[in-house]
Amino acid sequence: MRGQALKGHLDLLLLAVVSDGPKHGYAVIEELRLRSVDTFDLPEGTVYPALHRLEKAGYLSSDWSEVQGRRRRTYTLTSRGASALGEQRQSWADFSAAVNHVLNRSPWPTTS
């Protein structure tokens, strides 16, 4: 269930983690795992392609650096990424509120 539940939400989670400041790929994986209390302990093979895709879409930028003789790519949220994150956060809030109303058998509030 967890893998299926994550589909469609990975971008939101990754953008949220990077929104706190630049992070290299492994730090993104660790922060996601820590924030979710090990629920999202994702493999590199899931996270790195998603980071590359988000960079290609213009939501992240990256720079290479060398730390202790190892090259690292550090990702930073772009203004386009911040805008997308805001939209995705609102979409998630609307979706989760609707699911909660269904699960709790309460009617959706009207706005009239």
Foldseek 3Di string as FASTA:
>chain_A
DLVVVCPPPVLLLLLVQQAVDKDWQVVSLVVSCVVVVNSRNDDPVVRVVSQVVCVVVVQWPWDWDADPNDITIIIHGDPVNVVVNVVVVVVVVVVVVVVVCVVVVHDDDDDD
